[in-house]
Amino acid sequence: MFPRTILGELRKWKDSSFRKPLVLRGARQTGKTCAVNEFAKDYRQFIAFNLEKKTDKELFLRHSSVFDLLQAAFLRAGKDFSLRHETLIFI
């Protein structure tokens, strides 16, 4: 993969103490997912969801609280919930 400007911007977002959920927008097939996959290497754990997949979508529909959703997501992905603050979740 060649260097991308977006990776620097994502790392700035990660280092910010005031960060909020991030939305990446752009045209189809421009490397957004590839950039996120590369950025995920900066985290101890990475969980990705594709809401076009029925099983991923059902997980979000089934849980009404964010905490329950997070626990279920970590369990389903086989990730350590105690490392949730060091985990990148990509939806």
N, C-alpha and C. Protein backbone atom coordinates (compact mmCIF):
# COMPACT_ATOMS: atom_id res chain seq x y z
N MET A 1 0.84 -1.19 0.00
CA MET A 1 0.00 0.00 0.00
C MET A 1 0.88 1.24 0.00
N PHE A 2 0.52 2.22 -0.76
CA PHE A 2 1.30 3.44 -0.81
C PHE A 2 0.86 4.39 0.31
N PRO A 3 1.74 5.33 0.70
CA PRO A 3 1.40 6.24 1.81
C PRO A 3 0.15 7.07 1.50
N ARG A 4 -0.67 7.26 2.51
CA ARG A 4 -1.91 8.02 2.33
C ARG A 4 -1.95 9.17 3.34
N THR A 5 -2.36 10.32 2.88
CA THR A 5 -2.52 11.48 3.75
C THR A 5 -3.53 11.20 4.85
N ILE A 6 -4.55 10.43 4.53
CA ILE A 6 -5.62 10.16 5.49
C ILE A 6 -5.10 9.46 6.74
N LEU A 7 -4.05 8.66 6.62
CA LEU A 7 -3.52 7.97 7.80
C LEU A 7 -3.00 8.96 8.83
N GLY A 8 -2.37 10.03 8.39
CA GLY A 8 -1.92 11.07 9.31
C GLY A 8 -3.10 11.73 10.01
N GLU A 9 -4.16 11.98 9.25
CA GLU A 9 -5.36 12.60 9.83
C GLU A 9 -6.03 11.66 10.83
N LEU A 10 -6.06 10.37 10.51
CA LEU A 10 -6.65 9.40 11.44
C LEU A 10 -5.84 9.32 12.73
N ARG A 11 -4.53 9.37 12.61
CA ARG A 11 -3.67 9.33 13.81
C ARG A 11 -3.85 10.58 14.65
N LYS A 12 -4.04 11.73 14.01
CA LYS A 12 -4.32 12.96 14.78
C LYS A 12 -5.63 12.81 15.54
N TRP A 13 -6.64 12.23 14.88
CA TRP A 13 -7.93 12.00 15.53
C TRP A 13 -7.74 11.08 16.74
N LYS A 14 -6.96 10.01 16.57
CA LYS A 14 -6.73 9.05 17.66
C LYS A 14 -6.08 9.73 18.86
N ASP A 15 -5.14 10.63 18.60
CA ASP A 15 -4.38 11.27 19.68
C ASP A 15 -5.13 12.40 20.36
N SER A 16 -6.24 12.82 19.80
CA SER A 16 -7.01 13.93 20.37
C SER A 16 -7.74 13.49 21.63
N SER A 17 -7.66 14.32 22.65
CA SER A 17 -8.39 14.01 23.89
C SER A 17 -9.87 14.37 23.78
N PHE A 18 -10.24 15.07 22.71
CA PHE A 18 -11.64 15.49 22.52
C PHE A 18 -12.29 14.75 21.36
N ARG A 19 -11.78 13.57 21.01
CA ARG A 19 -12.31 12.90 19.83
C ARG A 19 -13.72 12.36 20.06
N LYS A 20 -14.44 12.32 18.98
CA LYS A 20 -15.80 11.77 18.93
C LYS A 20 -15.82 10.72 17.83
N PRO A 21 -16.90 9.97 17.70
CA PRO A 21 -16.97 9.01 16.60
C PRO A 21 -16.66 9.71 15.27
N LEU A 22 -15.99 9.00 14.42
CA LEU A 22 -15.53 9.56 13.16
C LEU A 22 -16.28 8.94 11.99
N VAL A 23 -16.68 9.76 11.05
CA VAL A 23 -17.35 9.30 9.84
C VAL A 23 -16.43 9.58 8.66
N LEU A 24 -16.10 8.54 7.92
CA LEU A 24 -15.32 8.71 6.69
C LEU A 24 -16.29 8.69 5.52
N ARG A 25 -16.28 9.74 4.74
CA ARG A 25 -17.16 9.82 3.58
C ARG A 25 -16.32 10.00 2.33
N GLY A 26 -16.83 9.48 1.25
CA GLY A 26 -16.14 9.66 -0.01
C GLY A 26 -16.74 8.76 -1.07
N ALA A 27 -16.26 8.96 -2.27
CA ALA A 27 -16.74 8.18 -3.40
C ALA A 27 -16.42 6.70 -3.19
N ARG A 28 -17.16 5.86 -3.87
CA ARG A 28 -16.92 4.41 -3.81
C ARG A 28 -15.56 4.08 -4.39
N GLN A 29 -14.97 3.01 -3.86
CA GLN A 29 -13.73 2.46 -4.41
C GLN A 29 -12.56 3.43 -4.40
N THR A 30 -12.44 4.24 -3.33
CA THR A 30 -11.32 5.18 -3.26
C THR A 30 -10.33 4.84 -2.16
N GLY A 31 -10.53 3.72 -1.46
CA GLY A 31 -9.56 3.27 -0.48
C GLY A 31 -9.89 3.58 0.97
N LYS A 32 -11.13 3.94 1.25
CA LYS A 32 -11.50 4.25 2.64
C LYS A 32 -11.31 3.04 3.55
N THR A 33 -11.81 1.90 3.14
CA THR A 33 -11.70 0.69 3.95
C THR A 33 -10.24 0.25 4.06
N CYS A 34 -9.49 0.34 2.99
CA CYS A 34 -8.06 -0.01 3.04
C CYS A 34 -7.32 0.89 4.02
N ALA A 35 -7.65 2.17 4.02
CA ALA A 35 -7.01 3.10 4.95
C ALA A 35 -7.36 2.74 6.39
N VAL A 36 -8.60 2.40 6.65
CA VAL A 36 -9.01 2.01 8.01
C VAL A 36 -8.31 0.72 8.42
N ASN A 37 -8.21 -0.24 7.52
CA ASN A 37 -7.52 -1.50 7.84
C ASN A 37 -6.06 -1.24 8.19
N GLU A 38 -5.43 -0.33 7.49
CA GLU A 38 -4.03 0.03 7.79
C GLU A 38 -3.96 0.75 9.14
N PHE A 39 -4.87 1.68 9.38
CA PHE A 39 -4.93 2.44 10.63
C PHE A 39 -5.18 1.51 11.82
N ALA A 40 -5.91 0.44 11.61
CA ALA A 40 -6.23 -0.50 12.69
C ALA A 40 -4.98 -1.13 13.29
N LYS A 41 -3.89 -1.12 12.57
CA LYS A 41 -2.64 -1.68 13.09
C LYS A 41 -2.10 -0.86 14.26
N ASP A 42 -2.61 0.36 14.44
CA ASP A 42 -2.22 1.21 15.56
C ASP A 42 -2.94 0.82 16.85
N TYR A 43 -3.86 -0.11 16.78
CA TYR A 43 -4.67 -0.54 17.93
C TYR A 43 -4.32 -1.98 18.31
N ARG A 44 -4.61 -2.33 19.55
CA ARG A 44 -4.37 -3.71 19.99
C ARG A 44 -5.38 -4.67 19.41
N GLN A 45 -6.61 -4.19 19.20
CA GLN A 45 -7.67 -5.04 18.65
C GLN A 45 -8.44 -4.24 17.61
N PHE A 46 -9.04 -4.97 16.68
CA PHE A 46 -9.83 -4.36 15.61
C PHE A 46 -11.06 -5.21 15.37
N ILE A 47 -12.23 -4.56 15.35
CA ILE A 47 -13.49 -5.24 15.05
C ILE A 47 -14.16 -4.47 13.91
N ALA A 48 -14.56 -5.19 12.88
CA ALA A 48 -15.22 -4.55 11.73
C ALA A 48 -16.60 -5.15 11.54
N PHE A 49 -17.56 -4.31 11.22
CA PHE A 49 -18.92 -4.73 10.93
C PHE A 49 -19.32 -4.20 9.57
N ASN A 50 -20.03 -5.00 8.83
CA ASN A 50 -20.58 -4.60 7.54
C ASN A 50 -22.09 -4.74 7.67
N LEU A 51 -22.78 -3.61 7.75
CA LEU A 51 -24.22 -3.65 7.98
C LEU A 51 -25.02 -4.12 6.77
N GLU A 52 -24.33 -4.41 5.67
CA GLU A 52 -24.99 -5.05 4.55
C GLU A 52 -25.09 -6.56 4.77
N LYS A 53 -24.33 -7.07 5.75
CA LYS A 53 -24.42 -8.48 6.12
C LYS A 53 -25.52 -8.65 7.16
N LYS A 54 -26.39 -9.60 6.95
CA LYS A 54 -27.54 -9.80 7.83
C LYS A 54 -27.12 -10.04 9.28
N THR A 55 -26.10 -10.86 9.50
CA THR A 55 -25.69 -11.17 10.87
C THR A 55 -25.13 -9.95 11.59
N ASP A 56 -24.39 -9.10 10.88
CA ASP A 56 -23.87 -7.88 11.51
C ASP A 56 -25.00 -6.91 11.82
N LYS A 57 -25.92 -6.77 10.88
CA LYS A 57 -27.04 -5.85 11.07
C LYS A 57 -27.92 -6.30 12.24
N GLU A 58 -28.16 -7.61 12.35
CA GLU A 58 -29.01 -8.13 13.42
C GLU A 58 -28.42 -7.84 14.80
N LEU A 59 -27.11 -7.87 14.90
CA LEU A 59 -26.46 -7.57 16.18
C LEU A 59 -26.85 -6.18 16.67
N PHE A 60 -26.89 -5.22 15.76
CA PHE A 60 -27.24 -3.84 16.11
C PHE A 60 -28.73 -3.70 16.40
N LEU A 61 -29.56 -4.48 15.74
CA LEU A 61 -31.00 -4.41 15.96
C LEU A 61 -31.42 -5.08 17.26
N ARG A 62 -30.65 -6.05 17.69
CA ARG A 62 -31.01 -6.87 18.84
C ARG A 62 -30.74 -6.19 20.18
N HIS A 63 -29.80 -5.26 20.22
CA HIS A 63 -29.38 -4.67 21.50
C HIS A 63 -29.78 -3.21 21.58
N SER A 64 -30.45 -2.85 22.68
CA SER A 64 -30.94 -1.48 22.82
C SER A 64 -29.95 -0.58 23.55
N SER A 65 -29.09 -1.15 24.38
CA SER A 65 -28.12 -0.30 25.08
C SER A 65 -26.74 -0.45 24.42
N VAL A 66 -26.00 0.63 24.44
CA VAL A 66 -24.67 0.64 23.84
C VAL A 66 -23.76 -0.36 24.56
N PHE A 67 -23.85 -0.41 25.87
CA PHE A 67 -23.00 -1.33 26.64
C PHE A 67 -23.29 -2.79 26.24
N ASP A 68 -24.55 -3.16 26.14
CA ASP A 68 -24.90 -4.52 25.74
C ASP A 68 -24.42 -4.82 24.31
N LEU A 69 -24.57 -3.83 23.43
CA LEU A 69 -24.11 -4.00 22.06
C LEU A 69 -22.60 -4.22 22.03
N LEU A 70 -21.86 -3.42 22.78
CA LEU A 70 -20.41 -3.58 22.82
C LEU A 70 -20.00 -4.94 23.35
N GLN A 71 -20.62 -5.37 24.44
CA GLN A 71 -20.30 -6.69 24.99
C GLN A 71 -20.57 -7.79 23.96
N ALA A 72 -21.70 -7.71 23.30
CA ALA A 72 -22.06 -8.72 22.30
C ALA A 72 -21.08 -8.68 21.11
N ALA A 73 -20.70 -7.49 20.71
CA ALA A 73 -19.78 -7.34 19.59
C ALA A 73 -18.42 -7.95 19.91
N PHE A 74 -17.92 -7.67 21.09
CA PHE A 74 -16.63 -8.23 21.50
C PHE A 74 -16.70 -9.75 21.61
N LEU A 75 -17.78 -10.24 22.18
CA LEU A 75 -17.95 -11.68 22.32
C LEU A 75 -18.00 -12.35 20.95
N ARG A 76 -18.79 -11.80 20.06
CA ARG A 76 -18.94 -12.37 18.73
C ARG A 76 -17.64 -12.36 17.93
N ALA A 77 -16.85 -11.30 18.12
CA ALA A 77 -15.58 -11.18 17.39
C ALA A 77 -14.46 -11.95 18.07
N GLY A 78 -14.73 -12.48 19.26
CA GLY A 78 -13.69 -13.21 19.99
C GLY A 78 -12.59 -12.30 20.51
N LYS A 79 -12.96 -11.07 20.86
CA LYS A 79 -11.99 -10.08 21.35
C LYS A 79 -12.15 -9.88 22.85
N ASP A 80 -11.10 -9.41 23.48
CA ASP A 80 -11.05 -9.20 24.92
C ASP A 80 -11.74 -7.89 25.27
N PHE A 81 -12.86 -7.97 25.98
CA PHE A 81 -13.64 -6.78 26.33
C PHE A 81 -12.86 -5.86 27.27
N SER A 82 -11.93 -6.40 28.06
CA SER A 82 -11.16 -5.55 28.96
C SER A 82 -10.21 -4.62 28.18
N LEU A 83 -10.00 -4.90 26.90
CA LEU A 83 -9.15 -4.05 26.06
C LEU A 83 -9.99 -3.11 25.18
N ARG A 84 -11.23 -2.86 25.58
CA ARG A 84 -12.14 -2.07 24.75
C ARG A 84 -11.63 -0.66 24.48
N HIS A 85 -10.81 -0.11 25.39
CA HIS A 85 -10.29 1.24 25.18
C HIS A 85 -9.09 1.23 24.22
N GLU A 86 -8.66 0.05 23.82
CA GLU A 86 -7.53 -0.08 22.89
C GLU A 86 -8.00 -0.81 21.62
N THR A 87 -9.30 -0.69 21.34
CA THR A 87 -9.91 -1.40 20.22
C THR A 87 -10.53 -0.42 19.25
N LEU A 88 -10.26 -0.60 17.98
CA LEU A 88 -10.90 0.19 16.93
C LEU A 88 -12.10 -0.60 16.43
N ILE A 89 -13.26 0.03 16.45
CA ILE A 89 -14.48 -0.58 15.94
C ILE A 89 -14.87 0.17 14.67
N PHE A 90 -14.96 -0.56 13.58
CA PHE A 90 -15.26 0.02 12.27
C PHE A 90 -16.60 -0.51 11.80
N ILE A 91 -17.54 0.39 11.56
CA ILE A 91 -18.87 0.00 11.11
C ILE A 91 -19.07 0.55 9.70
